[in-house]
């Protein structure tokens, strides 16, 4: 599969990135566990190296993840390979590194702290420039978006960042951000169970890249978990998925499992193939924290997208009206 060139830039990214949320270890968002349990830093670094060796060149992290720990692990892993990697990270929350806690910030604080947050991420990552800097707050006052774009453009002019984007599922807000000269991506949730058709249509029309978070539905689009799965108390999934939701996901996965596994794919690889079939602007960023995950995910690029016929059959089996193709 061919690399994607980000809008108005010379950055080229692989068809799939690596999501580094789980590499951050344990941390708390307000009063809830927000990590994926304990992280094995050595295995995380090995996983990043395996992904790079297998052709993945995009790594997505955030100041939130482990309150900086994920960024630090990414920085260690790429120390001698910076020229091979497109680094994406995120900003916008109040991050207490010592307490391992994250909270909301006001829009005013986000604007005031923009330069500070950028410098902190640069330090954690051990780099001079961030390739893609994304607002992590899902909402932001529309009338203040121009101020934020001005601040991001200043960081571009200073050489601190190359491009920017927004992690949001709101198409109206994404449209405002797209007006920025160096806006290249919108990060949003999507997977075969949650199609996000409106956002895909927008990114395709605007020339932006869809960085797709939760492309594997936090692991449920694999054969790893069944309806009776139980997660550790420090795993975000222990409270993010009610039992009835898990049962529904597992039942729907069974309906389309044969299609996802076509031509020798794993369920994971088929789920990624579904996203690539949506449009050429789609770049999933599944979470990776082991070498085995890195290798399985990267191998999906060899299979490529599902066929239009398979896409239509999935829509029928899941009771949706038509295939979600941008």
Protein backbone atom coordinates (compact mmCIF):
# COMPACT_ATOMS: atom_id res chain seq x y z
CA UNK A 1 0.00 0.00 0.00
CA UNK A 2 1.21 3.49 -0.84
CA UNK A 3 2.22 6.13 1.66
CA UNK A 4 -0.10 9.12 2.13
CA UNK A 5 1.13 12.70 1.71
CA UNK A 6 -0.44 15.04 4.25
CA UNK A 7 -2.21 18.12 2.86
CA UNK A 8 -0.03 21.19 2.22
CA UNK A 9 3.07 19.43 3.51
CA UNK A 10 5.92 17.17 2.50
CA UNK A 11 5.11 14.69 5.25
CA UNK A 12 4.42 11.16 4.05
CA UNK A 13 2.85 8.65 6.41
CA UNK A 14 2.38 4.91 6.17
CA UNK A 15 -1.17 3.62 5.58
CA UNK A 16 -1.31 2.76 9.28
CA UNK A 17 0.20 4.35 12.36
CA UNK A 18 1.03 3.15 15.84
CA UNK A 19 -1.09 4.34 18.75
CA UNK A 20 0.97 4.69 21.94
CA UNK A 21 -1.79 5.26 24.53
CA UNK A 22 -1.30 1.88 26.23
CA UNK A 23 2.46 2.47 26.51
CA UNK A 24 1.80 5.23 29.04
CA UNK A 25 0.96 2.82 31.85
CA UNK A 26 -1.40 3.73 34.68
CA UNK A 27 -2.86 7.23 35.10
CA UNK A 28 -6.12 8.89 36.14
CA UNK A 29 -8.42 11.24 34.22
CA UNK A 30 -10.39 13.20 36.83
CA UNK A 31 -11.55 10.25 39.00
CA UNK A 32 -11.37 7.40 36.48
CA UNK A 33 -8.57 5.09 35.46
CA UNK A 34 -7.51 6.12 31.97
CA UNK A 35 -4.56 3.87 31.19
CA UNK A 36 -4.49 0.26 30.03
CA UNK A 37 -2.94 -1.17 33.17
CA UNK A 38 0.77 -1.53 33.79
CA UNK A 39 3.11 -1.08 30.84
CA UNK A 40 6.31 -2.99 30.10
CA UNK A 41 8.61 -0.21 28.90
CA UNK A 42 11.19 -2.55 27.39
CA UNK A 43 8.51 -4.40 25.41
CA UNK A 44 6.99 -1.08 24.34
CA UNK A 45 10.31 -0.01 22.86
CA UNK A 46 10.75 -3.38 21.15
CA UNK A 47 7.23 -3.04 19.73
CA UNK A 48 7.99 0.40 18.31
CA UNK A 49 11.17 -0.89 16.69
CA UNK A 50 9.27 -3.88 15.24
CA UNK A 51 6.62 -1.56 13.81
CA UNK A 52 9.22 0.72 12.22
CA UNK A 53 11.06 -2.28 10.76
CA UNK A 54 7.76 -3.54 9.30
CA UNK A 55 7.03 -0.29 7.45
CA UNK A 56 4.99 1.79 9.91
CA UNK A 57 6.44 5.30 10.18
CA UNK A 58 3.72 7.21 12.09
CA UNK A 59 3.56 7.18 15.90
CA UNK A 60 0.68 8.89 17.69
CA UNK A 61 0.97 9.73 21.39
CA UNK A 62 -0.25 12.48 23.75
CA UNK A 63 0.77 14.49 26.79
CA UNK A 64 -2.07 12.72 28.65
CA UNK A 65 -0.85 9.17 28.15
CA UNK A 66 0.84 8.27 31.43
CA UNK A 67 1.14 12.05 32.00
CA UNK A 68 4.11 12.18 29.68
CA UNK A 69 5.42 8.64 30.07
CA UNK A 70 4.21 7.50 26.65
CA UNK A 71 5.97 10.46 25.01
CA UNK A 72 9.16 9.59 26.88
CA UNK A 73 9.04 5.94 25.76
CA UNK A 74 8.46 7.01 22.16
CA UNK A 75 11.39 9.40 22.46
CA UNK A 76 13.70 6.66 23.74
CA UNK A 77 12.61 4.27 21.01
CA UNK A 78 13.24 6.70 18.14
CA UNK A 79 16.37 8.36 19.51
CA UNK A 80 18.54 6.92 16.73
CA UNK A 81 15.77 6.77 14.11
CA UNK A 82 14.23 10.24 14.15
CA UNK A 83 14.50 10.64 10.37
CA UNK A 84 12.39 7.51 9.88
CA UNK A 85 9.44 8.64 12.02
CA UNK A 86 6.51 11.03 11.74
CA UNK A 87 5.64 12.00 15.32
CA UNK A 88 2.12 13.04 16.27
CA UNK A 89 1.25 14.12 19.79
CA UNK A 90 -1.58 15.99 21.49
CA UNK A 91 -2.18 18.85 23.91
CA UNK A 92 -5.00 20.66 25.72
CA UNK A 93 -5.50 19.07 29.14
CA UNK A 94 -4.16 19.94 32.59
CA UNK A 95 -1.49 17.28 33.13
CA UNK A 96 -0.06 16.69 36.61
CA UNK A 97 3.00 14.54 35.95
CA UNK A 98 3.87 13.92 39.60
CA UNK A 99 0.36 12.85 40.64
CA UNK A 100 -0.29 10.93 37.41
CA UNK A 101 -3.57 12.82 37.02
CA UNK A 102 -5.20 14.66 34.12
CA UNK A 103 -8.05 17.19 34.26
CA UNK A 104 -9.85 19.59 31.96
CA UNK A 105 -8.50 23.06 31.15
CA UNK A 106 -10.53 26.13 30.28
CA UNK A 107 -10.29 27.43 26.71
CA UNK A 108 -8.40 30.43 28.08
CA UNK A 109 -5.86 28.17 29.77
CA UNK A 110 -5.42 26.10 26.61
CA UNK A 111 -4.57 29.25 24.67
CA UNK A 112 -2.25 30.58 27.37
CA UNK A 113 -0.45 27.26 27.89
CA UNK A 114 0.00 26.31 24.23
CA UNK A 115 3.69 27.23 23.99
CA UNK A 116 4.47 25.67 27.40
CA UNK A 117 2.74 22.41 26.49
CA UNK A 118 4.58 22.22 23.20
CA UNK A 119 7.95 22.69 24.90
CA UNK A 120 7.08 20.01 27.46
CA UNK A 121 6.22 17.49 24.74
CA UNK A 122 9.37 18.35 22.81
CA UNK A 123 11.37 17.66 25.96
CA UNK A 124 9.62 14.36 26.67
CA UNK A 125 10.08 13.21 23.09
CA UNK A 126 13.66 14.43 22.90
CA UNK A 127 13.11 16.10 19.52
CA UNK A 128 13.38 19.60 18.08
CA UNK A 129 10.14 19.51 16.10
CA UNK A 130 6.77 17.78 16.39
CA UNK A 131 5.44 16.70 12.98
CA UNK A 132 1.70 16.74 13.83
CA UNK A 133 0.46 18.63 16.90
CA UNK A 134 -3.18 17.94 17.74
CA UNK A 135 -5.70 19.56 20.06
CA UNK A 136 -6.80 16.74 22.36
CA UNK A 137 -9.87 18.45 23.81
CA UNK A 138 -12.91 17.07 22.01
CA UNK A 139 -14.71 20.41 22.18
CA UNK A 140 -13.57 24.03 22.01
CA UNK A 141 -15.57 27.26 21.58
CA UNK A 142 -16.01 27.79 17.85
CA UNK A 143 -15.56 31.55 18.20
CA UNK A 144 -12.10 31.05 19.69
CA UNK A 145 -10.82 28.62 17.07
CA UNK A 146 -9.14 31.45 15.07
CA UNK A 147 -7.07 32.35 18.17
CA UNK A 148 -5.96 28.76 18.52
CA UNK A 149 -5.08 28.52 14.85
CA UNK A 150 -3.00 31.70 15.19
CA UNK A 151 -1.12 30.15 18.10
CA UNK A 152 -0.45 26.96 16.18
CA UNK A 153 0.71 28.89 13.12
CA UNK A 154 3.19 30.74 15.36
CA UNK A 155 4.58 27.40 16.49
CA UNK A 156 4.93 26.39 12.83
CA UNK A 157 6.77 29.64 12.07
CA UNK A 158 9.10 29.01 15.02
CA UNK A 159 9.89 25.51 13.78
CA UNK A 160 8.43 23.88 16.90
CA UNK A 161 5.79 21.97 14.92
CA UNK A 162 5.37 21.18 11.23
CA UNK A 163 1.60 20.71 10.99
CA UNK A 164 -1.40 20.41 13.28
CA UNK A 165 -4.86 18.89 13.64
CA UNK A 166 -7.70 18.21 16.05
CA UNK A 167 -8.82 15.06 17.83
CA UNK A 168 -12.58 15.51 17.63
CA UNK A 169 -15.66 13.66 16.38
CA UNK A 170 -17.52 16.91 15.66
CA UNK A 171 -17.56 17.63 11.92
CA UNK A 172 -18.59 21.27 12.39
CA UNK A 173 -15.58 21.94 14.61
CA UNK A 174 -13.29 20.00 12.29
CA UNK A 175 -14.45 22.19 9.43
CA UNK A 176 -13.35 25.31 11.34
CA UNK A 177 -9.91 23.85 11.95
CA UNK A 178 -9.53 22.89 8.31
CA UNK A 179 -9.26 26.60 7.51
CA UNK A 180 -5.79 26.60 9.04
CA UNK A 181 -3.01 26.76 6.45
CA UNK A 182 -1.00 23.98 8.07
CA UNK A 183 -3.89 21.82 9.27
CA UNK A 184 -3.32 18.31 7.95
CA UNK A 185 -5.33 15.81 10.01
CA UNK A 186 -8.48 15.20 11.98
CA UNK A 187 -8.20 12.40 14.50
CA UNK A 188 -11.53 10.74 15.16
CA UNK A 189 -13.10 7.48 16.28
CA UNK A 190 -14.22 4.97 13.67
CA UNK A 191 -14.29 1.23 13.05
CA UNK A 192 -16.43 -1.35 11.30
CA UNK A 193 -18.95 -1.18 14.17
CA UNK A 194 -18.94 2.65 14.34
CA UNK A 195 -18.67 3.96 10.77
CA UNK A 196 -18.35 7.78 11.21
CA UNK A 197 -19.61 8.37 7.66
CA UNK A 198 -20.05 12.14 8.02
CA UNK A 199 -16.48 12.68 9.19
CA UNK A 200 -15.06 10.44 6.49
CA UNK A 201 -17.00 12.38 3.87
CA UNK A 202 -15.65 15.64 5.27
CA UNK A 203 -12.00 14.60 5.36
CA UNK A 204 -12.21 13.21 1.84
CA UNK A 205 -13.74 16.44 0.52
CA UNK A 206 -11.31 18.72 2.37
CA UNK A 207 -8.13 16.84 1.57
CA UNK A 208 -7.43 16.15 5.24
CA UNK A 209 -6.21 12.82 6.56
CA UNK A 210 -8.43 10.84 8.91
CA UNK A 211 -6.25 9.55 11.74
CA UNK A 212 -8.62 6.91 13.04
CA UNK A 213 -8.52 6.17 16.74
CA UNK A 214 -10.18 3.04 18.15
CA UNK A 215 -9.97 1.28 14.77
CA UNK A 216 -10.09 -2.08 16.59
CA UNK A 217 -12.69 -0.95 19.13
CA UNK A 218 -10.15 -1.08 21.96
CA UNK A 219 -9.27 -4.70 21.18
CA UNK A 220 -12.77 -6.07 20.68
CA UNK A 221 -12.23 -6.35 16.91
CA UNK A 222 -9.93 -9.27 17.53
CA UNK A 223 -10.40 -12.82 18.78
CA UNK A 224 -8.78 -11.92 22.10
CA UNK A 225 -11.92 -11.04 24.07
CA UNK A 226 -15.34 -12.66 24.48
CA UNK A 227 -18.49 -11.45 26.21
CA UNK A 228 -17.26 -12.60 29.63
CA UNK A 229 -13.95 -10.75 29.56
CA UNK A 230 -12.86 -8.99 32.73
CA UNK A 231 -10.21 -6.28 32.79
CA UNK A 232 -7.98 -5.21 35.67
CA UNK A 233 -9.16 -2.26 37.73
CA UNK A 234 -6.48 0.03 36.27
CA UNK A 235 -7.49 -0.74 32.67
CA UNK A 236 -9.74 1.96 31.15
CA UNK A 237 -11.86 -0.76 29.57
CA UNK A 238 -12.96 -1.98 33.00
CA UNK A 239 -15.43 0.92 33.17
CA UNK A 240 -15.70 2.03 29.52
CA UNK A 241 -17.74 -0.95 28.32
CA UNK A 242 -20.94 -2.10 30.07
CA UNK A 243 -21.50 -5.85 29.85
CA UNK A 244 -24.48 -5.47 27.52
CA UNK A 245 -22.34 -3.42 25.10
CA UNK A 246 -19.63 -6.06 25.12
CA UNK A 247 -22.17 -8.77 24.38
CA UNK A 248 -23.53 -6.81 21.42
CA UNK A 249 -20.06 -6.13 20.02
CA UNK A 250 -19.07 -9.79 20.29
CA UNK A 251 -22.33 -10.88 18.61
CA UNK A 252 -21.83 -8.45 15.72
CA UNK A 253 -18.21 -9.50 15.38
CA UNK A 254 -19.36 -13.08 14.92
CA UNK A 255 -21.73 -12.01 12.11
CA UNK A 256 -18.92 -10.53 10.01
CA UNK A 257 -15.99 -12.64 11.20
CA UNK A 258 -15.82 -14.77 8.06
CA UNK A 259 -15.60 -11.72 5.81
CA UNK A 260 -12.97 -10.05 7.97
CA UNK A 261 -10.88 -13.23 7.80
CA UNK A 262 -11.06 -13.49 4.00
CA UNK A 263 -7.92 -14.42 2.08
CA UNK A 264 -6.10 -15.51 5.21
CA UNK A 265 -6.49 -12.32 7.21
CA UNK A 266 -6.92 -12.27 10.97
CA UNK A 267 -9.97 -10.50 12.37
CA UNK A 268 -7.71 -7.56 13.24
CA UNK A 269 -6.36 -7.37 9.72
CA UNK A 270 -9.85 -7.52 8.25
CA UNK A 271 -11.04 -4.71 10.50
CA UNK A 272 -8.16 -2.56 9.32
CA UNK A 273 -8.94 -3.53 5.73
CA UNK A 274 -12.50 -2.26 6.24
CA UNK A 275 -11.15 1.18 7.14
CA UNK A 276 -8.82 1.35 4.14
CA UNK A 277 -11.74 0.49 1.89
CA UNK A 278 -13.57 3.61 3.12
CA UNK A 279 -11.12 5.97 1.41
CA UNK A 280 -7.49 6.71 0.61
CA UNK A 281 -7.42 9.47 3.24
CA UNK A 282 -7.95 6.96 6.07
CA UNK A 283 -4.98 6.10 8.30
CA UNK A 284 -5.90 3.91 11.29
CA UNK A 285 -3.72 4.20 14.39
CA UNK A 286 -4.37 1.00 16.39
CA UNK A 287 -2.85 0.75 19.83
CA UNK A 288 0.29 -1.35 20.03
CA UNK A 289 2.26 -2.40 23.08
CA UNK A 290 3.80 -5.76 22.11
CA UNK A 291 5.96 -6.98 19.25
CA UNK A 292 3.27 -9.52 18.32
CA UNK A 293 0.67 -6.76 17.93
CA UNK A 294 3.07 -4.68 15.87
CA UNK A 295 3.73 -7.54 13.48
CA UNK A 296 0.06 -8.55 13.10
CA UNK A 297 -1.05 -4.99 12.46
CA UNK A 298 1.75 -4.20 10.02
CA UNK A 299 1.02 -7.37 8.05
CA UNK A 300 -2.48 -6.03 7.37
CA UNK A 301 -0.89 -3.56 4.94
CA UNK A 302 0.07 -6.50 2.72
CA UNK A 303 -3.60 -7.51 2.41
CA UNK A 304 -4.88 -3.99 1.80
CA UNK A 305 -8.55 -2.93 1.72
CA UNK A 306 -11.61 -5.13 1.61
CA UNK A 307 -13.48 -5.25 -1.71
CA UNK A 308 -16.62 -3.18 -2.45
CA UNK A 309 -18.60 -6.42 -2.42
CA UNK A 310 -17.31 -7.34 1.02
CA UNK A 311 -18.07 -3.85 2.29
CA UNK A 312 -21.66 -4.09 1.06
CA UNK A 313 -22.09 -7.55 2.59
CA UNK A 314 -20.88 -6.29 5.97
CA UNK A 315 -23.41 -3.46 5.86
CA UNK A 316 -26.18 -5.96 5.16
CA UNK A 317 -25.10 -8.34 7.92
CA UNK A 318 -24.92 -5.52 10.47
CA UNK A 319 -28.30 -4.14 9.40
CA UNK A 320 -27.04 -0.90 7.97
CA UNK A 321 -28.44 0.61 4.79
CA UNK A 322 -25.37 1.05 2.63
CA UNK A 323 -21.61 0.79 2.64
CA UNK A 324 -19.73 3.67 4.25
CA UNK A 325 -17.43 4.74 1.44
CA UNK A 326 -16.23 8.33 1.20
